[in-house]
Amino acid sequence: MSRSKYTFAIQLLPNIGVEVARQLHEAGIETEQQLIEAGTETAFLRIKTIYPDACLCKLMAIDGAIKGIRWHLLPPERKAYLKEFFSQLIKT
């Protein structure tokens, strides 16, 4: 079965399409509960370890998925925090 035809249950969350679901799966996160338990930062770091080019939008998408909302609707202060977290990652 090709990747595009395989559906991960986690894709039912907002912001989680085939690609992010596949990357989460590769990072050992396969369920909503596992994503919630890992938390935004840890889940993103696990993806970034495998995919060093993982971007800020992916970080925000994960955060929105955990909160059950589209990442565009994250509060400005949360977006600012995530931008700072991401900027610290790219400095190292």
Protein backbone atom coordinates (compact mmCIF):
# COMPACT_ATOMS: atom_id res chain seq x y z
CA MET A 1 0.00 0.00 0.00
CA SER A 2 1.44 3.38 -0.93
CA ARG A 3 1.97 6.10 1.66
CA SER A 4 -0.71 8.29 0.14
CA LYS A 5 -3.33 5.57 0.54
CA TYR A 6 -2.42 4.72 4.12
CA THR A 7 -4.45 6.58 6.71
CA PHE A 8 -3.23 7.14 10.24
CA ALA A 9 -5.90 7.57 12.94
CA ILE A 10 -4.07 10.65 14.18
CA GLN A 11 -5.06 12.37 10.91
CA LEU A 12 -8.49 12.99 12.42
CA LEU A 13 -6.93 15.79 14.47
CA PRO A 14 -6.90 19.34 13.07
CA ASN A 15 -3.72 20.27 11.16
CA ILE A 16 -2.56 16.67 10.82
CA GLY A 17 -2.40 15.58 7.22
CA VAL A 18 -0.75 12.56 5.67
CA GLU A 19 2.79 13.95 5.87
CA VAL A 20 2.69 15.11 9.51
CA ALA A 21 0.91 11.89 10.52
CA ARG A 22 3.63 9.84 8.81
CA GLN A 23 6.37 11.86 10.51
CA LEU A 24 4.70 11.50 13.91
CA HIS A 25 4.41 7.76 13.27
CA GLU A 26 8.12 7.58 12.44
CA ALA A 27 8.82 9.49 15.67
CA GLY A 28 6.88 6.88 17.64
CA ILE A 29 3.67 8.87 18.09
CA GLU A 30 0.70 7.05 16.63
CA THR A 31 -2.30 8.11 18.70
CA GLU A 32 -3.88 11.30 19.94
CA GLN A 33 -3.17 10.21 23.51
CA GLN A 34 0.52 9.65 22.75
CA LEU A 35 0.66 13.10 21.15
CA ILE A 36 -0.97 14.73 24.15
CA GLU A 37 1.33 12.90 26.55
CA ALA A 38 4.43 13.86 24.57
CA GLY A 39 3.38 17.48 24.35
CA THR A 40 4.07 19.96 21.60
CA GLU A 41 7.75 20.54 22.18
CA THR A 42 8.73 16.89 22.65
CA ALA A 43 6.68 15.70 19.68
CA PHE A 44 8.26 18.36 17.49
CA LEU A 45 11.77 17.60 18.71
CA ARG A 46 11.25 13.92 17.91
CA ILE A 47 10.24 14.85 14.36
CA LYS A 48 13.06 17.38 14.00
CA THR A 49 15.59 14.73 15.03
CA ILE A 50 14.52 12.67 12.01
CA TYR A 51 13.68 15.61 9.73
CA PRO A 52 16.06 18.49 10.51
CA ASP A 53 14.20 20.76 8.08
CA ALA A 54 10.95 20.58 10.12
CA CYS A 55 9.54 24.11 10.16
CA LEU A 56 7.76 26.49 12.50
CA CYS A 57 4.41 25.80 10.83
CA LYS A 58 4.76 22.12 11.72
CA LEU A 59 5.44 23.07 15.34
CA MET A 60 2.32 25.24 15.39
CA ALA A 61 0.30 22.53 13.63
CA ILE A 62 1.22 20.04 16.35
CA ASP A 63 0.29 22.52 19.06
CA GLY A 64 -3.05 23.22 17.42
CA ALA A 65 -3.72 19.50 17.01
CA ILE A 66 -3.16 18.93 20.72
CA LYS A 67 -5.54 21.78 21.51
CA GLY A 68 -8.09 20.61 18.93
CA ILE A 69 -7.95 23.80 16.85
CA ARG A 70 -6.49 25.00 13.57
CA TRP A 71 -3.04 26.40 14.22
CA HIS A 72 -4.07 29.76 12.74
CA LEU A 73 -6.40 30.17 15.73
CA LEU A 74 -3.70 29.77 18.39
CA PRO A 75 -3.60 32.82 20.66
CA PRO A 76 -0.94 35.40 19.72
CA GLU A 77 0.97 34.82 22.97
CA ARG A 78 1.15 31.08 22.26
CA LYS A 79 2.37 31.73 18.72
CA ALA A 80 5.02 34.07 20.13
CA TYR A 81 6.17 31.39 22.58
CA LEU A 82 6.38 28.78 19.80
CA LYS A 83 8.32 31.18 17.57
CA GLU A 84 10.81 31.76 20.39
CA PHE A 85 11.09 28.01 21.07
CA PHE A 86 11.73 27.39 17.38
CA SER A 87 14.25 30.21 17.09
CA GLN A 88 16.23 28.71 19.99
CA LEU A 89 16.36 25.39 18.14
CA ILE A 90 17.78 26.89 14.98
CA LYS A 91 20.44 28.81 16.93
CA THR A 92 21.95 25.59 18.27
